[in-house]
Amino acid sequence: QVQLVESGGGSVQAGGSLRLSCAASASTYYRGYCFGWFRQAPGKAREGVATIYTVGDSTDYTDSVKGRFTVSQGSAKNLVFLQMNYLEPADTAQYYCAAVPVVVFLRGTCDLSRGDFDYWGQGTQVTVFS
């Protein structure tokens, strides 16, 4: 079982920045994780924002955030960040962290085409006002 805790949401003026954090805790040792950041605005479908594979550091981004958002991992492979710069009102949403733990190797890819993430956090709200 893996628990994910997000933090760092808030309200910011358009053009500003926020950094989200996601920490995974588990009673079992995992080699690393495939983490995904997702968001959902009211009345809209959930959207994949970015992924990072902490065994290797590969990343993937949705087009609308490329050049503005950066996903990275901390010194520990169970901690990731989403640095969000040049925020726009369209970025307003509840942001969720999701993860697939890796015991030895990851089945499938760690990118936004991945359809299954095993564990989800409770979400953190990001509001961007103009």
N, C-alpha and C. Protein backbone atom coordinates (compact mmCIF):
# COMPACT_ATOMS: atom_id res chain seq x y z
N GLN A 1 0.84 -1.19 0.00
CA GLN A 1 0.00 0.00 0.00
C GLN A 1 0.88 1.24 0.00
N VAL A 2 0.50 2.21 -0.82
CA VAL A 2 1.26 3.46 -0.94
C VAL A 2 0.32 4.62 -0.63
N GLN A 3 0.77 5.52 0.19
CA GLN A 3 0.02 6.74 0.46
C GLN A 3 0.72 7.92 -0.18
N LEU A 4 -0.05 8.77 -0.83
CA LEU A 4 0.48 9.95 -1.50
C LEU A 4 -0.09 11.19 -0.84
N VAL A 5 0.78 12.13 -0.55
CA VAL A 5 0.33 13.38 0.06
C VAL A 5 0.86 14.53 -0.78
N GLU A 6 -0.07 15.34 -1.30
CA GLU A 6 0.31 16.51 -2.07
C GLU A 6 0.29 17.75 -1.16
N SER A 7 1.08 18.72 -1.54
CA SER A 7 1.06 20.00 -0.85
C SER A 7 1.52 21.08 -1.82
N GLY A 8 1.27 22.32 -1.45
CA GLY A 8 1.79 23.44 -2.24
C GLY A 8 0.78 24.19 -3.06
N GLY A 9 -0.46 23.77 -3.05
CA GLY A 9 -1.47 24.51 -3.81
C GLY A 9 -1.75 25.86 -3.17
N GLY A 10 -2.56 26.65 -3.87
CA GLY A 10 -2.92 27.95 -3.36
C GLY A 10 -3.49 28.83 -4.44
N SER A 11 -3.60 30.12 -4.14
CA SER A 11 -4.11 31.09 -5.10
C SER A 11 -2.98 32.02 -5.51
N VAL A 12 -2.93 32.31 -6.78
CA VAL A 12 -1.85 33.16 -7.29
C VAL A 12 -2.37 33.97 -8.47
N GLN A 13 -1.81 35.12 -8.66
CA GLN A 13 -2.18 35.95 -9.80
C GLN A 13 -1.58 35.37 -11.07
N ALA A 14 -2.27 35.60 -12.17
CA ALA A 14 -1.77 35.13 -13.46
C ALA A 14 -0.34 35.64 -13.68
N GLY A 15 0.50 34.75 -14.19
CA GLY A 15 1.90 35.08 -14.37
C GLY A 15 2.78 34.64 -13.21
N GLY A 16 2.15 34.26 -12.12
CA GLY A 16 2.88 33.84 -10.94
C GLY A 16 3.29 32.38 -10.98
N SER A 17 3.84 31.92 -9.86
CA SER A 17 4.37 30.56 -9.77
C SER A 17 3.89 29.87 -8.51
N LEU A 18 3.82 28.56 -8.60
CA LEU A 18 3.56 27.70 -7.44
C LEU A 18 4.37 26.44 -7.62
N ARG A 19 4.70 25.81 -6.52
CA ARG A 19 5.38 24.51 -6.59
C ARG A 19 4.59 23.51 -5.77
N LEU A 20 4.18 22.45 -6.43
CA LEU A 20 3.48 21.36 -5.77
C LEU A 20 4.48 20.26 -5.41
N SER A 21 4.21 19.61 -4.30
CA SER A 21 5.03 18.48 -3.86
C SER A 21 4.15 17.25 -3.70
N CYS A 22 4.73 16.11 -3.91
CA CYS A 22 4.03 14.84 -3.70
C CYS A 22 5.01 13.88 -3.05
N ALA A 23 4.64 13.41 -1.88
CA ALA A 23 5.48 12.46 -1.15
C ALA A 23 4.76 11.13 -1.04
N ALA A 24 5.46 10.08 -1.40
CA ALA A 24 4.91 8.73 -1.32
C ALA A 24 5.47 8.05 -0.09
N SER A 25 4.60 7.39 0.64
CA SER A 25 5.05 6.59 1.77
C SER A 25 4.49 5.19 1.63
N ALA A 26 5.33 4.20 1.95
CA ALA A 26 4.93 2.81 1.80
C ALA A 26 5.64 1.98 2.83
N SER A 27 5.00 0.88 3.21
CA SER A 27 5.61 -0.03 4.17
C SER A 27 6.56 -1.01 3.50
N THR A 28 6.51 -1.02 2.18
CA THR A 28 7.37 -1.90 1.39
C THR A 28 8.41 -1.06 0.67
N TYR A 29 9.60 -1.61 0.50
CA TYR A 29 10.62 -0.88 -0.25
C TYR A 29 10.30 -0.98 -1.73
N TYR A 30 10.34 0.15 -2.41
CA TYR A 30 10.21 0.17 -3.86
C TYR A 30 11.45 0.82 -4.46
N ARG A 31 11.80 0.32 -5.60
CA ARG A 31 12.98 0.84 -6.29
C ARG A 31 12.75 2.28 -6.73
N GLY A 32 11.55 2.60 -7.04
CA GLY A 32 11.19 3.95 -7.47
C GLY A 32 9.72 3.96 -7.85
N TYR A 33 9.32 5.02 -8.53
CA TYR A 33 7.91 5.17 -8.91
C TYR A 33 7.80 5.82 -10.28
N CYS A 34 6.70 5.52 -10.92
CA CYS A 34 6.23 6.35 -12.02
C CYS A 34 5.18 7.27 -11.39
N PHE A 35 5.48 8.54 -11.34
CA PHE A 35 4.55 9.52 -10.80
C PHE A 35 3.85 10.26 -11.94
N GLY A 36 2.61 10.57 -11.71
CA GLY A 36 1.86 11.40 -12.65
C GLY A 36 1.21 12.55 -11.91
N TRP A 37 1.17 13.69 -12.57
CA TRP A 37 0.39 14.83 -12.07
C TRP A 37 -0.81 15.00 -13.00
N PHE A 38 -1.97 15.09 -12.38
CA PHE A 38 -3.21 15.25 -13.12
C PHE A 38 -3.96 16.45 -12.55
N ARG A 39 -4.89 16.97 -13.31
CA ARG A 39 -5.71 18.07 -12.81
C ARG A 39 -7.13 17.93 -13.33
N GLN A 40 -8.05 18.48 -12.57
CA GLN A 40 -9.45 18.45 -12.98
C GLN A 40 -10.10 19.76 -12.56
N ALA A 41 -10.61 20.46 -13.54
CA ALA A 41 -11.34 21.69 -13.30
C ALA A 41 -12.83 21.36 -13.21
N PRO A 42 -13.60 22.20 -12.54
CA PRO A 42 -15.04 21.94 -12.42
C PRO A 42 -15.70 21.79 -13.79
N GLY A 43 -16.46 20.71 -13.94
CA GLY A 43 -17.18 20.48 -15.18
C GLY A 43 -16.34 19.96 -16.32
N LYS A 44 -15.07 19.68 -16.05
CA LYS A 44 -14.19 19.18 -17.10
C LYS A 44 -13.64 17.81 -16.74
N ALA A 45 -13.18 17.10 -17.74
CA ALA A 45 -12.59 15.80 -17.51
C ALA A 45 -11.20 15.95 -16.90
N ARG A 46 -10.79 14.92 -16.22
CA ARG A 46 -9.43 14.92 -15.67
C ARG A 46 -8.41 14.92 -16.79
N GLU A 47 -7.35 15.66 -16.60
CA GLU A 47 -6.32 15.83 -17.63
C GLU A 47 -4.96 15.49 -17.06
N GLY A 48 -4.19 14.73 -17.83
CA GLY A 48 -2.82 14.45 -17.44
C GLY A 48 -1.95 15.67 -17.70
N VAL A 49 -1.13 16.04 -16.74
CA VAL A 49 -0.29 17.23 -16.85
C VAL A 49 1.16 16.85 -17.12
N ALA A 50 1.70 15.94 -16.31
CA ALA A 50 3.10 15.58 -16.45
C ALA A 50 3.34 14.24 -15.76
N THR A 51 4.40 13.57 -16.19
CA THR A 51 4.82 12.35 -15.53
C THR A 51 6.32 12.39 -15.32
N ILE A 52 6.78 11.62 -14.37
CA ILE A 52 8.21 11.45 -14.15
C ILE A 52 8.47 10.05 -13.64
N TYR A 53 9.50 9.44 -14.18
CA TYR A 53 9.91 8.10 -13.78
C TYR A 53 11.15 8.26 -12.93
N THR A 54 11.04 7.95 -11.66
CA THR A 54 12.15 8.26 -10.76
C THR A 54 13.28 7.23 -10.86
N VAL A 55 13.07 6.17 -11.63
CA VAL A 55 14.16 5.26 -11.95
C VAL A 55 14.64 5.66 -13.34
N GLY A 56 15.44 6.68 -13.43
CA GLY A 56 15.89 7.15 -14.73
C GLY A 56 15.58 8.60 -15.03
N ASP A 57 14.55 9.18 -14.41
CA ASP A 57 14.30 10.62 -14.51
C ASP A 57 13.66 11.05 -15.83
N SER A 58 13.05 10.13 -16.58
CA SER A 58 12.38 10.54 -17.81
C SER A 58 11.09 11.28 -17.47
N THR A 59 10.72 12.23 -18.31
CA THR A 59 9.54 13.06 -18.07
C THR A 59 8.67 13.17 -19.31
N ASP A 60 7.44 13.57 -19.10
CA ASP A 60 6.51 13.80 -20.19
C ASP A 60 5.56 14.92 -19.76
N TYR A 61 5.14 15.76 -20.72
CA TYR A 61 4.28 16.89 -20.40
C TYR A 61 3.16 17.00 -21.42
N THR A 62 2.02 17.47 -20.98
CA THR A 62 0.99 17.81 -21.93
C THR A 62 1.37 19.13 -22.61
N ASP A 63 0.92 19.30 -23.83
CA ASP A 63 1.39 20.44 -24.64
C ASP A 63 1.12 21.79 -23.97
N SER A 64 0.00 21.91 -23.30
CA SER A 64 -0.39 23.23 -22.77
C SER A 64 0.51 23.72 -21.64
N VAL A 65 1.34 22.84 -21.07
CA VAL A 65 2.20 23.27 -19.97
C VAL A 65 3.68 23.24 -20.33
N LYS A 66 4.00 22.76 -21.51
CA LYS A 66 5.40 22.69 -21.91
C LYS A 66 6.02 24.08 -21.90
N GLY A 67 7.20 24.18 -21.33
CA GLY A 67 7.88 25.46 -21.23
C GLY A 67 7.47 26.27 -20.01
N ARG A 68 6.41 25.86 -19.33
CA ARG A 68 5.96 26.58 -18.14
C ARG A 68 6.06 25.73 -16.87
N PHE A 69 5.79 24.44 -16.99
CA PHE A 69 5.83 23.54 -15.84
C PHE A 69 7.06 22.64 -15.94
N THR A 70 7.61 22.30 -14.78
CA THR A 70 8.73 21.37 -14.73
C THR A 70 8.48 20.37 -13.62
N VAL A 71 8.56 19.10 -13.97
CA VAL A 71 8.41 18.04 -12.97
C VAL A 71 9.81 17.53 -12.64
N SER A 72 10.07 17.31 -11.38
CA SER A 72 11.39 16.86 -10.96
C SER A 72 11.25 15.97 -9.73
N GLN A 73 12.33 15.28 -9.43
CA GLN A 73 12.31 14.44 -8.24
C GLN A 73 13.24 15.00 -7.20
N GLY A 74 12.94 14.70 -5.96
CA GLY A 74 13.80 15.10 -4.88
C GLY A 74 14.97 14.15 -4.73
N SER A 75 15.73 14.33 -3.67
CA SER A 75 16.88 13.47 -3.44
C SER A 75 16.44 12.03 -3.17
N ALA A 76 15.26 11.87 -2.66
CA ALA A 76 14.69 10.54 -2.46
C ALA A 76 13.75 10.22 -3.61
N LYS A 77 13.69 8.98 -4.01
CA LYS A 77 12.89 8.60 -5.18
C LYS A 77 11.41 8.55 -4.89
N ASN A 78 11.01 8.89 -3.65
CA ASN A 78 9.59 8.89 -3.32
C ASN A 78 9.04 10.31 -3.20
N LEU A 79 9.77 11.30 -3.69
CA LEU A 79 9.35 12.69 -3.59
C LEU A 79 9.50 13.37 -4.94
N VAL A 80 8.43 13.99 -5.39
CA VAL A 80 8.49 14.70 -6.67
C VAL A 80 7.85 16.08 -6.51
N PHE A 81 8.22 16.95 -7.44
CA PHE A 81 7.74 18.31 -7.42
C PHE A 81 7.16 18.67 -8.79
N LEU A 82 6.24 19.60 -8.79
CA LEU A 82 5.75 20.18 -10.03
C LEU A 82 5.89 21.70 -9.89
N GLN A 83 6.91 22.24 -10.54
CA GLN A 83 7.14 23.67 -10.53
C GLN A 83 6.29 24.28 -11.64
N MET A 84 5.41 25.18 -11.27
CA MET A 84 4.49 25.77 -12.23
C MET A 84 4.76 27.27 -12.33
N ASN A 85 5.25 27.69 -13.48
CA ASN A 85 5.57 29.09 -13.73
C ASN A 85 4.63 29.66 -14.78
N TYR A 86 4.55 30.99 -14.84
CA TYR A 86 3.70 31.67 -15.82
C TYR A 86 2.29 31.09 -15.81
N LEU A 87 1.76 30.97 -14.62
CA LEU A 87 0.43 30.38 -14.48
C LEU A 87 -0.63 31.23 -15.14
N GLU A 88 -1.63 30.54 -15.67
CA GLU A 88 -2.74 31.18 -16.38
C GLU A 88 -4.04 30.78 -15.70
N PRO A 89 -5.08 31.60 -15.84
CA PRO A 89 -6.38 31.21 -15.26
C PRO A 89 -6.84 29.83 -15.73
N ALA A 90 -6.47 29.41 -16.93
CA ALA A 90 -6.85 28.10 -17.44
C ALA A 90 -6.19 26.96 -16.67
N ASP A 91 -5.17 27.28 -15.87
CA ASP A 91 -4.51 26.25 -15.05
C ASP A 91 -5.26 25.98 -13.75
N THR A 92 -6.29 26.77 -13.47
CA THR A 92 -7.07 26.58 -12.25
C THR A 92 -7.73 25.21 -12.24
N ALA A 93 -7.46 24.44 -11.20
CA ALA A 93 -7.98 23.08 -11.11
C ALA A 93 -7.56 22.47 -9.78
N GLN A 94 -8.15 21.32 -9.49
CA GLN A 94 -7.66 20.48 -8.41
C GLN A 94 -6.56 19.61 -9.01
N TYR A 95 -5.40 19.63 -8.41
CA TYR A 95 -4.25 18.88 -8.91
C TYR A 95 -4.05 17.62 -8.06
N TYR A 96 -3.83 16.52 -8.74
CA TYR A 96 -3.66 15.23 -8.07
C TYR A 96 -2.32 14.61 -8.46
N CYS A 97 -1.73 13.98 -7.49
CA CYS A 97 -0.55 13.17 -7.73
C CYS A 97 -0.98 11.71 -7.76
N ALA A 98 -0.41 10.95 -8.66
CA ALA A 98 -0.69 9.53 -8.77
C ALA A 98 0.62 8.78 -8.96
N ALA A 99 0.62 7.50 -8.63
CA ALA A 99 1.88 6.76 -8.69
C ALA A 99 1.68 5.29 -8.98
N VAL A 100 2.68 4.74 -9.63
CA VAL A 100 2.81 3.31 -9.82
C VAL A 100 4.14 2.91 -9.20
N PRO A 101 4.13 2.09 -8.16
CA PRO A 101 5.41 1.72 -7.55
C PRO A 101 6.16 0.71 -8.41
N VAL A 102 7.46 0.77 -8.34
CA VAL A 102 8.32 -0.11 -9.12
C VAL A 102 9.11 -0.99 -8.18
N VAL A 103 8.90 -2.30 -8.32
CA VAL A 103 9.64 -3.25 -7.50
C VAL A 103 10.98 -3.55 -8.15
N VAL A 104 10.92 -4.01 -9.40
CA VAL A 104 12.13 -4.31 -10.15
C VAL A 104 12.13 -3.51 -11.45
N PHE A 105 11.07 -3.64 -12.21
CA PHE A 105 10.94 -2.87 -13.43
C PHE A 105 9.49 -2.44 -13.58
N LEU A 106 9.26 -1.43 -14.43
CA LEU A 106 7.92 -0.90 -14.64
C LEU A 106 7.30 -1.60 -15.84
N ARG A 107 6.11 -2.13 -15.64
CA ARG A 107 5.36 -2.68 -16.77
C ARG A 107 4.74 -1.52 -17.54
N GLY A 108 5.03 -1.46 -18.81
CA GLY A 108 4.50 -0.36 -19.61
C GLY A 108 5.39 0.86 -19.50
N THR A 109 4.89 1.96 -20.02
CA THR A 109 5.68 3.19 -20.05
C THR A 109 5.24 4.13 -18.94
N CYS A 110 6.12 5.07 -18.64
CA CYS A 110 5.78 6.12 -17.69
C CYS A 110 5.66 7.41 -18.48
N ASP A 111 4.49 7.62 -19.01
CA ASP A 111 4.22 8.86 -19.73
C ASP A 111 2.71 9.09 -19.71
N LEU A 112 2.25 10.14 -20.35
CA LEU A 112 0.85 10.51 -20.25
C LEU A 112 -0.08 9.57 -21.03
N SER A 113 0.49 8.62 -21.76
CA SER A 113 -0.36 7.63 -22.42
C SER A 113 -0.72 6.49 -21.47
N ARG A 114 -0.07 6.45 -20.34
CA ARG A 114 -0.34 5.38 -19.37
C ARG A 114 -1.76 5.54 -18.83
N GLY A 115 -2.51 4.48 -18.89
CA GLY A 115 -3.91 4.55 -18.48
C GLY A 115 -4.18 4.15 -17.05
N ASP A 116 -3.20 3.59 -16.39
CA ASP A 116 -3.46 3.10 -15.04
C ASP A 116 -2.40 3.58 -14.07
N PHE A 117 -2.85 4.22 -13.04
CA PHE A 117 -2.01 4.57 -11.90
C PHE A 117 -2.65 3.94 -10.67
N ASP A 118 -1.83 3.26 -9.88
CA ASP A 118 -2.38 2.46 -8.80
C ASP A 118 -2.85 3.27 -7.61
N TYR A 119 -2.16 4.35 -7.33
CA TYR A 119 -2.44 5.11 -6.12
C TYR A 119 -2.60 6.59 -6.45
N TRP A 120 -3.49 7.23 -5.67
CA TRP A 120 -3.81 8.64 -5.90
C TRP A 120 -3.79 9.40 -4.59
N GLY A 121 -3.36 10.65 -4.67
CA GLY A 121 -3.42 11.52 -3.52
C GLY A 121 -4.79 12.17 -3.40
N GLN A 122 -4.92 12.99 -2.36
CA GLN A 122 -6.22 13.61 -2.07
C GLN A 122 -6.44 14.87 -2.89
N GLY A 123 -5.40 15.38 -3.50
CA GLY A 123 -5.54 16.56 -4.34
C GLY A 123 -5.23 17.85 -3.61
N THR A 124 -4.81 18.84 -4.37
CA THR A 124 -4.55 20.17 -3.83
C THR A 124 -5.06 21.19 -4.85
N GLN A 125 -5.70 22.23 -4.36
CA GLN A 125 -6.33 23.19 -5.24
C GLN A 125 -5.34 24.26 -5.69
N VAL A 126 -5.36 24.54 -6.98
CA VAL A 126 -4.60 25.64 -7.56
C VAL A 126 -5.59 26.59 -8.21
N THR A 127 -5.55 27.83 -7.79
CA THR A 127 -6.44 28.86 -8.35
C THR A 127 -5.60 30.00 -8.88
N VAL A 128 -5.80 30.33 -10.14
CA VAL A 128 -5.06 31.41 -10.78
C VAL A 128 -6.07 32.48 -11.17
N PHE A 129 -5.89 33.68 -10.64
CA PHE A 129 -6.83 34.76 -10.93
C PHE A 129 -6.14 35.81 -11.80
N SER A 130 -6.96 36.44 -12.63
CA SER A 130 -6.41 37.43 -13.56
C SER A 130 -6.47 38.83 -12.98
